[in-house]
Amino acid sequence: RTAALEVEGWPREMLLDKERNRLVITSQVYEQRPGKPTLTGGGG
């Protein structure tokens, strides 16, 4: 292991572009916003 990097939120998945030496990392982050998101695809 050469390094470890803290990722904000909940790391999900990533893509490696080895030609450009880039990792694209996705994570879920909680941020306070107006309104209430639903847990269902419909309302609810």
All heavy atoms as atom14 arrays in JSON, in Angstrom:
{
  "sequence": "RTAALEVEGWPREMLLDKERNRLVITSQVYEQRPGKPTLTGGGG",
  "atom14_mask": [
    [1, 1, 1, 1, 1, 1, 1, 1, 1, 1, 1, 0, 0, 0],
    [1, 1, 1, 1, 1, 1, 1, 0, 0, 0, 0, 0, 0, 0],
    [1, 1, 1, 1, 1, 0, 0, 0, 0, 0, 0, 0, 0, 0],
    [1, 1, 1, 1, 1, 0, 0, 0, 0, 0, 0, 0, 0, 0],
    [1, 1, 1, 1, 1, 1, 1, 1, 0, 0, 0, 0, 0, 0],
    [1, 1, 1, 1, 1, 1, 1, 1, 1, 0, 0, 0, 0, 0],
    [1, 1, 1, 1, 1, 1, 1, 0, 0, 0, 0, 0, 0, 0],
    [1, 1, 1, 1, 1, 1, 1, 1, 1, 0, 0, 0, 0, 0],
    [1, 1, 1, 1, 0, 0, 0, 0, 0, 0, 0, 0, 0, 0],
    [1, 1, 1, 1, 1, 1, 1, 1, 1, 1, 1, 1, 1, 1],
    [1, 1, 1, 1, 1, 1, 1, 0, 0, 0, 0, 0, 0, 0],
    [1, 1, 1, 1, 1, 1, 1, 1, 1, 1, 1, 0, 0, 0],
    [1, 1, 1, 1, 1, 1, 1, 1, 1, 0, 0, 0, 0, 0],
    [1, 1, 1, 1, 1, 1, 1, 1, 0, 0, 0, 0, 0, 0],
    [1, 1, 1, 1, 1, 1, 1, 1, 0, 0, 0, 0, 0, 0],
    [1, 1, 1, 1, 1, 1, 1, 1, 0, 0, 0, 0, 0, 0],
    [1, 1, 1, 1, 1, 1, 1, 1, 0, 0, 0, 0, 0, 0],
    [1, 1, 1, 1, 1, 1, 1, 1, 1, 0, 0, 0, 0, 0],
    [1, 1, 1, 1, 1, 1, 1, 1, 1, 0, 0, 0, 0, 0],
    [1, 1, 1, 1, 1, 1, 1, 1, 1, 1, 1, 0, 0, 0],
    [1, 1, 1, 1, 1, 1, 1, 1, 0, 0, 0, 0, 0, 0],
    [1, 1, 1, 1, 1, 1, 1, 1, 1, 1, 1, 0, 0, 0],
    [1, 1, 1, 1, 1, 1, 1, 1, 0, 0, 0, 0, 0, 0],
    [1, 1, 1, 1, 1, 1, 1, 0, 0, 0, 0, 0, 0, 0],
    [1, 1, 1, 1, 1, 1, 1, 1, 0, 0, 0, 0, 0, 0],
    [1, 1, 1, 1, 1, 1, 1, 0, 0, 0, 0, 0, 0, 0],
    [1, 1, 1, 1, 1, 1, 0, 0, 0, 0, 0, 0, 0, 0],
    [1, 1, 1, 1, 1, 1, 1, 1, 1, 0, 0, 0, 0, 0],
    [1, 1, 1, 1, 1, 1, 1, 0, 0, 0, 0, 0, 0, 0],
    [1, 1, 1, 1, 1, 1, 1, 1, 1, 1, 1, 1, 0, 0],
    [1, 1, 1, 1, 1, 1, 1, 1, 1, 0, 0, 0, 0, 0],
    [1, 1, 1, 1, 1, 1, 1, 1, 1, 0, 0, 0, 0, 0],
    [1, 1, 1, 1, 1, 1, 1, 1, 1, 1, 1, 0, 0, 0],
    [1, 1, 1, 1, 1, 1, 1, 0, 0, 0, 0, 0, 0, 0],
    [1, 1, 1, 1, 0, 0, 0, 0, 0, 0, 0, 0, 0, 0],
    [1, 1, 1, 1, 1, 1, 1, 1, 1, 0, 0, 0, 0, 0],
    [1, 1, 1, 1, 1, 1, 1, 0, 0, 0, 0, 0, 0, 0],
    [1, 1, 1, 1, 1, 1, 1, 0, 0, 0, 0, 0, 0, 0],
    [1, 1, 1, 1, 1, 1, 1, 1, 0, 0, 0, 0, 0, 0],
    [1, 1, 1, 1, 1, 1, 1, 0, 0, 0, 0, 0, 0, 0],
    [1, 1, 1, 1, 0, 0, 0, 0, 0, 0, 0, 0, 0, 0],
    [1, 1, 1, 1, 0, 0, 0, 0, 0, 0, 0, 0, 0, 0],
    [1, 1, 1, 1, 0, 0, 0, 0, 0, 0, 0, 0, 0, 0],
    [1, 1, 1, 1, 0, 0, 0, 0, 0, 0, 0, 0, 0, 0]
  ],
  "atom14_positions": [
    [[0.85, -1.19, 0.0], [0.0, 0.0, 0.0], [0.88, 1.24, 0.0], [1.79, 1.38, 0.83], [-0.91, 0.03, 1.22], [-1.9, 1.21, 1.17], [-2.34, 1.69, 2.54], [-3.06, 0.67, 3.26], [-3.5, 0.84, 4.5], [-3.27, 1.97, 5.14], [-4.15, -0.14, 5.12], [0.0, 0.0, 0.0], [0.0, 0.0, 0.0], [0.0, 0.0, 0.0]],
    [[0.64, 2.14, -0.92], [1.46, 3.35, -1.03], [0.79, 4.57, -0.42], [1.47, 5.52, -0.05], [1.77, 3.64, -2.51], [0.54, 3.84, -3.22], [2.55, 2.49, -3.13], [0.0, 0.0, 0.0], [0.0, 0.0, 0.0], [0.0, 0.0, 0.0], [0.0, 0.0, 0.0], [0.0, 0.0, 0.0], [0.0, 0.0, 0.0], [0.0, 0.0, 0.0]],
    [[-0.54, 4.54, -0.32], [-1.25, 5.7, 0.24], [-2.68, 5.31, 0.55], [-3.21, 4.33, 0.03], [-1.23, 6.88, -0.74], [0.0, 0.0, 0.0], [0.0, 0.0, 0.0], [0.0, 0.0, 0.0], [0.0, 0.0, 0.0], [0.0, 0.0, 0.0], [0.0, 0.0, 0.0], [0.0, 0.0, 0.0], [0.0, 0.0, 0.0], [0.0, 0.0, 0.0]],
    [[-3.3, 6.09, 1.43], [-4.74, 5.99, 1.7], [-5.3, 7.4, 1.72], [-4.68, 8.32, 2.27], [-5.0, 5.28, 3.02], [0.0, 0.0, 0.0], [0.0, 0.0, 0.0], [0.0, 0.0, 0.0], [0.0, 0.0, 0.0], [0.0, 0.0, 0.0], [0.0, 0.0, 0.0], [0.0, 0.0, 0.0], [0.0, 0.0, 0.0], [0.0, 0.0, 0.0]],
    [[-6.44, 7.58, 1.1], [-7.04, 8.91, 0.97], [-8.44, 8.89, 1.55], [-9.27, 8.05, 1.17], [-7.08, 9.31, -0.51], [-7.72, 10.66, -0.85], [-6.81, 11.8, -0.36], [-7.96, 10.77, -2.36], [0.0, 0.0, 0.0], [0.0, 0.0, 0.0], [0.0, 0.0, 0.0], [0.0, 0.0, 0.0], [0.0, 0.0, 0.0], [0.0, 0.0, 0.0]],
    [[-8.71, 9.8, 2.48], [-10.06, 9.92, 3.03], [-11.0, 10.46, 1.94], [-10.67, 11.43, 1.26], [-10.07, 10.87, 4.23], [-9.31, 10.35, 5.44], [-10.08, 9.27, 6.18], [-11.32, 9.29, 6.14], [-9.42, 8.41, 6.8], [0.0, 0.0, 0.0], [0.0, 0.0, 0.0], [0.0, 0.0, 0.0], [0.0, 0.0, 0.0], [0.0, 0.0, 0.0]],
    [[-12.15, 9.82, 1.81], [-13.15, 10.24, 0.84], [-14.37, 10.75, 1.6], [-14.92, 10.04, 2.45], [-13.55, 9.09, -0.1], [-14.61, 9.54, -1.09], [-12.33, 8.55, -0.83], [0.0, 0.0, 0.0], [0.0, 0.0, 0.0], [0.0, 0.0, 0.0], [0.0, 0.0, 0.0], [0.0, 0.0, 0.0], [0.0, 0.0, 0.0], [0.0, 0.0, 0.0]],
    [[-14.79, 11.93, 1.3], [-15.94, 12.5, 2.0], [-17.2, 11.69, 1.71], [-17.47, 11.32, 0.57], [-16.15, 13.96, 1.57], [-17.29, 14.64, 2.3], [-17.54, 16.06, 1.83], [-16.91, 16.47, 0.82], [-18.36, 16.76, 2.47], [0.0, 0.0, 0.0], [0.0, 0.0, 0.0], [0.0, 0.0, 0.0], [0.0, 0.0, 0.0], [0.0, 0.0, 0.0]],
    [[-17.96, 11.43, 2.77], [-19.23, 10.74, 2.6], [-19.08, 9.25, 2.5], [-18.21, 8.64, 3.12], [0.0, 0.0, 0.0], [0.0, 0.0, 0.0], [0.0, 0.0, 0.0], [0.0, 0.0, 0.0], [0.0, 0.0, 0.0], [0.0, 0.0, 0.0], [0.0, 0.0, 0.0], [0.0, 0.0, 0.0], [0.0, 0.0, 0.0], [0.0, 0.0, 0.0]],
    [[-19.96, 8.64, 1.73], [-20.05, 7.2, 1.55], [-19.47, 6.81, 0.21], [-20.16, 6.87, -0.79], [-21.51, 6.81, 1.5], [-21.86, 5.75, 2.44], [-21.7, 4.42, 2.29], [-22.48, 5.93, 3.69], [-22.17, 3.75, 3.36], [-22.66, 4.66, 4.25], [-22.87, 7.04, 4.42], [-23.24, 4.47, 5.49], [-23.45, 6.84, 5.63], [-23.62, 5.57, 6.15]],
    [[-18.23, 6.36, 0.11], [-17.7, 5.96, -1.2], [-18.54, 4.86, -1.82], [-18.94, 3.91, -1.15], [-16.29, 5.47, -0.87], [-15.93, 6.19, 0.39], [-17.21, 6.3, 1.17], [0.0, 0.0, 0.0], [0.0, 0.0, 0.0], [0.0, 0.0, 0.0], [0.0, 0.0, 0.0], [0.0, 0.0, 0.0], [0.0, 0.0, 0.0], [0.0, 0.0, 0.0]],
    [[-18.81, 5.0, -3.1], [-19.66, 4.04, -3.8], [-18.86, 3.26, -4.84], [-18.52, 2.13, -4.66], [-20.83, 4.78, -4.47], [-21.79, 5.43, -3.48], [-22.58, 4.39, -2.7], [-23.18, 3.42, -3.59], [-24.28, 3.62, -4.31], [-24.91, 4.78, -4.24], [-24.76, 2.68, -5.1], [0.0, 0.0, 0.0], [0.0, 0.0, 0.0], [0.0, 0.0, 0.0]],
    [[-18.56, 3.89, -5.94], [-17.8, 3.24, -7.01], [-16.89, 4.28, -7.65], [-17.0, 5.48, -7.39], [-18.74, 2.62, -8.06], [-19.54, 1.45, -7.53], [-20.36, 0.77, -8.61], [-20.76, 1.45, -9.59], [-20.63, -0.45, -8.48], [0.0, 0.0, 0.0], [0.0, 0.0, 0.0], [0.0, 0.0, 0.0], [0.0, 0.0, 0.0], [0.0, 0.0, 0.0]],
    [[-15.99, 3.79, -8.53], [-15.05, 4.7, -9.19], [-14.68, 4.17, -10.56], [-14.88, 3.0, -10.88], [-13.8, 4.88, -8.33], [-13.06, 3.59, -8.03], [-11.67, 3.85, -6.9], [-11.3, 2.15, -6.44], [0.0, 0.0, 0.0], [0.0, 0.0, 0.0], [0.0, 0.0, 0.0], [0.0, 0.0, 0.0], [0.0, 0.0, 0.0], [0.0, 0.0, 0.0]],
    [[-14.13, 5.06, -11.36], [-13.61, 4.73, -12.68], [-12.15, 5.15, -12.75], [-11.78, 6.22, -12.26], [-14.39, 5.47, -13.78], [-15.8, 4.96, -14.08], [-16.61, 6.03, -14.78], [-15.74, 3.69, -14.93], [0.0, 0.0, 0.0], [0.0, 0.0, 0.0], [0.0, 0.0, 0.0], [0.0, 0.0, 0.0], [0.0, 0.0, 0.0], [0.0, 0.0, 0.0]],
    [[-11.31, 4.31, -13.36], [-9.9, 4.62, -13.56], [-9.65, 4.89, -15.03], [-10.0, 4.08, -15.89], [-9.02, 3.46, -13.09], [-7.53, 3.55, -13.44], [-6.88, 4.72, -12.71], [-6.81, 2.24, -13.12], [0.0, 0.0, 0.0], [0.0, 0.0, 0.0], [0.0, 0.0, 0.0], [0.0, 0.0, 0.0], [0.0, 0.0, 0.0], [0.0, 0.0, 0.0]],
    [[-9.05, 6.02, -15.31], [-8.56, 6.33, -16.65], [-7.04, 6.29, -16.58], [-6.39, 7.25, -16.16], [-9.04, 7.7, -17.1], [-8.67, 8.02, -18.55], [-7.76, 7.35, -19.08], [-9.27, 8.93, -19.14], [0.0, 0.0, 0.0], [0.0, 0.0, 0.0], [0.0, 0.0, 0.0], [0.0, 0.0, 0.0], [0.0, 0.0, 0.0], [0.0, 0.0, 0.0]],
    [[-6.46, 5.15, -16.94], [-5.01, 4.97, -16.76], [-4.21, 5.82, -17.73], [-3.06, 6.18, -17.43], [-4.63, 3.5, -16.9], [-4.9, 2.87, -18.24], [-4.52, 1.4, -18.22], [-4.77, 0.73, -19.57], [-4.42, -0.71, -19.53], [0.0, 0.0, 0.0], [0.0, 0.0, 0.0], [0.0, 0.0, 0.0], [0.0, 0.0, 0.0], [0.0, 0.0, 0.0]],
    [[-4.77, 6.15, -18.88], [-4.05, 7.0, -19.83], [-3.86, 8.41, -19.27], [-2.86, 9.05, -19.51], [-4.81, 7.06, -21.16], [-5.02, 5.7, -21.82], [-3.72, 5.01, -22.15], [-2.75, 5.71, -22.49], [-3.67, 3.76, -22.08], [0.0, 0.0, 0.0], [0.0, 0.0, 0.0], [0.0, 0.0, 0.0], [0.0, 0.0, 0.0], [0.0, 0.0, 0.0]],
    [[-4.84, 8.9, -18.55], [-4.8, 10.25, -18.0], [-4.48, 10.27, -16.51], [-4.5, 11.33, -15.9], [-6.14, 10.94, -18.28], [-6.43, 11.09, -19.78], [-7.9, 11.36, -20.06], [-8.17, 11.43, -21.49], [-8.34, 10.36, -22.28], [-8.28, 9.14, -21.77], [-8.57, 10.5, -23.56], [0.0, 0.0, 0.0], [0.0, 0.0, 0.0], [0.0, 0.0, 0.0]],
    [[-4.26, 9.09, -15.92], [-3.94, 8.95, -14.5], [-4.97, 9.66, -13.62], [-4.65, 10.43, -12.72], [-2.54, 9.49, -14.2], [-1.47, 8.44, -14.41], [-1.59, 7.32, -13.91], [-0.45, 8.78, -15.17], [0.0, 0.0, 0.0], [0.0, 0.0, 0.0], [0.0, 0.0, 0.0], [0.0, 0.0, 0.0], [0.0, 0.0, 0.0], [0.0, 0.0, 0.0]],
    [[-6.23, 9.37, -13.91], [-7.32, 9.96, -13.14], [-8.24, 8.88, -12.58], [-8.56, 7.9, -13.26], [-8.16, 10.9, -14.02], [-7.44, 12.16, -14.47], [-7.2, 13.11, -13.29], [-6.7, 14.41, -13.7], [-5.41, 14.72, -13.81], [-4.49, 13.79, -13.55], [-5.04, 15.92, -14.17], [0.0, 0.0, 0.0], [0.0, 0.0, 0.0], [0.0, 0.0, 0.0]],
    [[-8.62, 9.06, -11.32], [-9.68, 8.27, -10.7], [-10.88, 9.17, -10.5], [-10.75, 10.29, -9.98], [-9.25, 7.73, -9.34], [-8.6, 6.34, -9.23], [-8.3, 6.07, -7.75], [-9.51, 5.25, -9.77], [0.0, 0.0, 0.0], [0.0, 0.0, 0.0], [0.0, 0.0, 0.0], [0.0, 0.0, 0.0], [0.0, 0.0, 0.0], [0.0, 0.0, 0.0]],
    [[-12.04, 8.71, -10.93], [-13.28, 9.44, -10.7], [-14.08, 8.67, -9.66], [-14.57, 7.57, -9.94], [-14.08, 9.6, -12.01], [-15.37, 10.38, -11.75], [-13.24, 10.31, -13.07], [0.0, 0.0, 0.0], [0.0, 0.0, 0.0], [0.0, 0.0, 0.0], [0.0, 0.0, 0.0], [0.0, 0.0, 0.0], [0.0, 0.0, 0.0], [0.0, 0.0, 0.0]],
    [[-14.19, 9.22, -8.46], [-14.79, 8.52, -7.32], [-16.15, 9.12, -7.01], [-16.31, 10.35, -6.94], [-13.89, 8.63, -6.08], [-12.49, 8.08, -6.37], [-14.51, 7.89, -4.89], [-11.49, 8.35, -5.26], [0.0, 0.0, 0.0], [0.0, 0.0, 0.0], [0.0, 0.0, 0.0], [0.0, 0.0, 0.0], [0.0, 0.0, 0.0], [0.0, 0.0, 0.0]],
    [[-17.14, 8.27, -6.82], [-18.46, 8.73, -6.4], [-18.69, 8.39, -4.94], [-18.27, 7.33, -4.46], [-19.57, 8.09, -7.25], [-19.54, 6.67, -7.09], [-19.4, 8.44, -8.72], [0.0, 0.0, 0.0], [0.0, 0.0, 0.0], [0.0, 0.0, 0.0], [0.0, 0.0, 0.0], [0.0, 0.0, 0.0], [0.0, 0.0, 0.0], [0.0, 0.0, 0.0]],
    [[-19.35, 9.28, -4.22], [-19.69, 9.04, -2.82], [-20.99, 9.77, -2.5], [-21.37, 10.74, -3.18], [-18.57, 9.5, -1.88], [-18.32, 10.89, -2.01], [0.0, 0.0, 0.0], [0.0, 0.0, 0.0], [0.0, 0.0, 0.0], [0.0, 0.0, 0.0], [0.0, 0.0, 0.0], [0.0, 0.0, 0.0], [0.0, 0.0, 0.0], [0.0, 0.0, 0.0]],
    [[-21.69, 9.29, -1.47], [-22.91, 9.94, -1.02], [-22.62, 10.8, 0.19], [-21.98, 10.34, 1.14], [-23.97, 8.9, -0.67], [-24.54, 8.15, -1.85], [-25.16, 9.03, -2.91], [-25.03, 8.78, -4.1], [-25.86, 10.09, -2.5], [0.0, 0.0, 0.0], [0.0, 0.0, 0.0], [0.0, 0.0, 0.0], [0.0, 0.0, 0.0], [0.0, 0.0, 0.0]],
    [[-23.06, 12.03, 0.16], [-22.81, 13.0, 1.22], [-24.15, 13.54, 1.71], [-25.04, 13.83, 0.9], [-21.92, 14.15, 0.71], [-21.71, 15.21, 1.79], [-20.58, 13.62, 0.22], [0.0, 0.0, 0.0], [0.0, 0.0, 0.0], [0.0, 0.0, 0.0], [0.0, 0.0, 0.0], [0.0, 0.0, 0.0], [0.0, 0.0, 0.0], [0.0, 0.0, 0.0]],
    [[-24.3, 13.67, 3.01], [-25.51, 14.29, 3.54], [-25.31, 15.79, 3.69], [-24.34, 16.25, 4.29], [-25.9, 13.7, 4.89], [-27.09, 14.41, 5.49], [-28.38, 14.19, 5.0], [-26.93, 15.33, 6.52], [-29.47, 14.85, 5.52], [-28.02, 16.01, 7.05], [-29.29, 15.76, 6.55], [-30.37, 16.43, 7.06], [0.0, 0.0, 0.0], [0.0, 0.0, 0.0]],
    [[-26.22, 16.57, 3.11], [-26.2, 18.02, 3.25], [-27.61, 18.49, 3.58], [-28.58, 18.04, 2.97], [-25.71, 18.68, 1.96], [-24.27, 18.34, 1.62], [-23.75, 19.13, 0.43], [-24.53, 19.39, -0.51], [-22.57, 19.49, 0.45], [0.0, 0.0, 0.0], [0.0, 0.0, 0.0], [0.0, 0.0, 0.0], [0.0, 0.0, 0.0], [0.0, 0.0, 0.0]],
    [[-27.71, 19.43, 4.51], [-29.01, 19.95, 4.91], [-29.59, 20.79, 3.77], [-28.94, 21.68, 3.24], [-28.86, 20.8, 6.17], [-30.18, 21.29, 6.73], [-31.05, 20.16, 7.25], [-30.55, 19.27, 7.92], [-32.33, 20.19, 6.93], [0.0, 0.0, 0.0], [0.0, 0.0, 0.0], [0.0, 0.0, 0.0], [0.0, 0.0, 0.0], [0.0, 0.0, 0.0]],
    [[-30.83, 20.47, 3.39], [-31.51, 21.22, 2.33], [-32.97, 21.43, 2.71], [-33.52, 20.66, 3.48], [-31.46, 20.46, 1.01], [-30.1, 20.42, 0.35], [-30.28, 20.15, -1.14], [-28.99, 20.02, -1.79], [-28.38, 18.86, -2.02], [-28.97, 17.76, -1.64], [-27.22, 18.81, -2.62], [0.0, 0.0, 0.0], [0.0, 0.0, 0.0], [0.0, 0.0, 0.0]],
    [[-33.61, 22.42, 2.12], [-35.05, 22.57, 2.35], [-35.79, 21.35, 1.8], [-35.34, 20.68, 0.87], [-35.42, 23.83, 1.55], [-34.13, 24.53, 1.31], [-33.08, 23.47, 1.25], [0.0, 0.0, 0.0], [0.0, 0.0, 0.0], [0.0, 0.0, 0.0], [0.0, 0.0, 0.0], [0.0, 0.0, 0.0], [0.0, 0.0, 0.0], [0.0, 0.0, 0.0]],
    [[-36.93, 21.07, 2.38], [-37.75, 19.97, 1.89], [-37.31, 18.64, 2.43], [-36.3, 18.52, 3.13], [0.0, 0.0, 0.0], [0.0, 0.0, 0.0], [0.0, 0.0, 0.0], [0.0, 0.0, 0.0], [0.0, 0.0, 0.0], [0.0, 0.0, 0.0], [0.0, 0.0, 0.0], [0.0, 0.0, 0.0], [0.0, 0.0, 0.0], [0.0, 0.0, 0.0]],
    [[-38.09, 17.62, 2.07], [-37.85, 16.27, 2.56], [-37.84, 15.31, 1.39], [-38.85, 15.12, 0.73], [-38.95, 15.87, 3.54], [-39.0, 16.74, 4.79], [-40.13, 16.34, 5.7], [-41.48, 16.6, 5.08], [-42.58, 16.42, 6.04], [0.0, 0.0, 0.0], [0.0, 0.0, 0.0], [0.0, 0.0, 0.0], [0.0, 0.0, 0.0], [0.0, 0.0, 0.0]],
    [[-36.68, 14.71, 1.07], [-36.65, 13.73, -0.02], [-37.4, 12.47, 0.4], [-37.42, 12.1, 1.56], [-35.16, 13.44, -0.21], [-34.56, 13.75, 1.11], [-35.37, 14.87, 1.7], [0.0, 0.0, 0.0], [0.0, 0.0, 0.0], [0.0, 0.0, 0.0], [0.0, 0.0, 0.0], [0.0, 0.0, 0.0], [0.0, 0.0, 0.0], [0.0, 0.0, 0.0]],
    [[-38.04, 11.82, -0.55], [-38.78, 10.6, -0.26], [-37.88, 9.4, -0.35], [-36.85, 9.41, -1.0], [-39.93, 10.41, -1.25], [-39.37, 10.25, -2.55], [-40.87, 11.59, -1.25], [0.0, 0.0, 0.0], [0.0, 0.0, 0.0], [0.0, 0.0, 0.0], [0.0, 0.0, 0.0], [0.0, 0.0, 0.0], [0.0, 0.0, 0.0], [0.0, 0.0, 0.0]],
    [[-38.3, 8.3, 0.28], [-37.58, 7.04, 0.2], [-38.15, 6.15, -0.87], [-37.7, 5.05, -1.07], [-37.64, 6.32, 1.55], [-36.81, 6.94, 2.66], [-36.96, 6.11, 3.93], [-35.36, 7.02, 2.27], [0.0, 0.0, 0.0], [0.0, 0.0, 0.0], [0.0, 0.0, 0.0], [0.0, 0.0, 0.0], [0.0, 0.0, 0.0], [0.0, 0.0, 0.0]],
    [[-39.19, 6.59, -1.56], [-39.82, 5.75, -2.57], [-39.77, 6.43, -3.91], [-39.65, 7.63, -4.02], [-41.3, 5.47, -2.22], [-42.02, 6.7, -2.28], [-41.44, 4.85, -0.85], [0.0, 0.0, 0.0], [0.0, 0.0, 0.0], [0.0, 0.0, 0.0], [0.0, 0.0, 0.0], [0.0, 0.0, 0.0], [0.0, 0.0, 0.0], [0.0, 0.0, 0.0]],
    [[-39.86, 5.6, -4.96], [-39.83, 6.14, -6.31], [-41.06, 6.95, -6.6], [-41.07, 7.8, -7.46], [0.0, 0.0, 0.0], [0.0, 0.0, 0.0], [0.0, 0.0, 0.0], [0.0, 0.0, 0.0], [0.0, 0.0, 0.0], [0.0, 0.0, 0.0], [0.0, 0.0, 0.0], [0.0, 0.0, 0.0], [0.0, 0.0, 0.0], [0.0, 0.0, 0.0]],
    [[-42.17, 6.67, -5.93], [-43.36, 7.47, -6.04], [-43.3, 8.51, -4.94], [-42.3, 9.03, -4.56], [0.0, 0.0, 0.0], [0.0, 0.0, 0.0], [0.0, 0.0, 0.0], [0.0, 0.0, 0.0], [0.0, 0.0, 0.0], [0.0, 0.0, 0.0], [0.0, 0.0, 0.0], [0.0, 0.0, 0.0], [0.0, 0.0, 0.0], [0.0, 0.0, 0.0]],
    [[-44.42, 8.86, -4.38], [-44.41, 9.73, -3.21], [-44.37, 8.85, -2.0], [-44.3, 7.65, -2.08], [0.0, 0.0, 0.0], [0.0, 0.0, 0.0], [0.0, 0.0, 0.0], [0.0, 0.0, 0.0], [0.0, 0.0, 0.0], [0.0, 0.0, 0.0], [0.0, 0.0, 0.0], [0.0, 0.0, 0.0], [0.0, 0.0, 0.0], [0.0, 0.0, 0.0]],
    [[-44.43, 9.4, -0.84], [-44.58, 8.54, 0.3], [-43.75, 8.91, 1.48], [-43.55, 10.07, 1.77], [0.0, 0.0, 0.0], [0.0, 0.0, 0.0], [0.0, 0.0, 0.0], [0.0, 0.0, 0.0], [0.0, 0.0, 0.0], [0.0, 0.0, 0.0], [0.0, 0.0, 0.0], [0.0, 0.0, 0.0], [0.0, 0.0, 0.0], [0.0, 0.0, 0.0]]
  ]
}
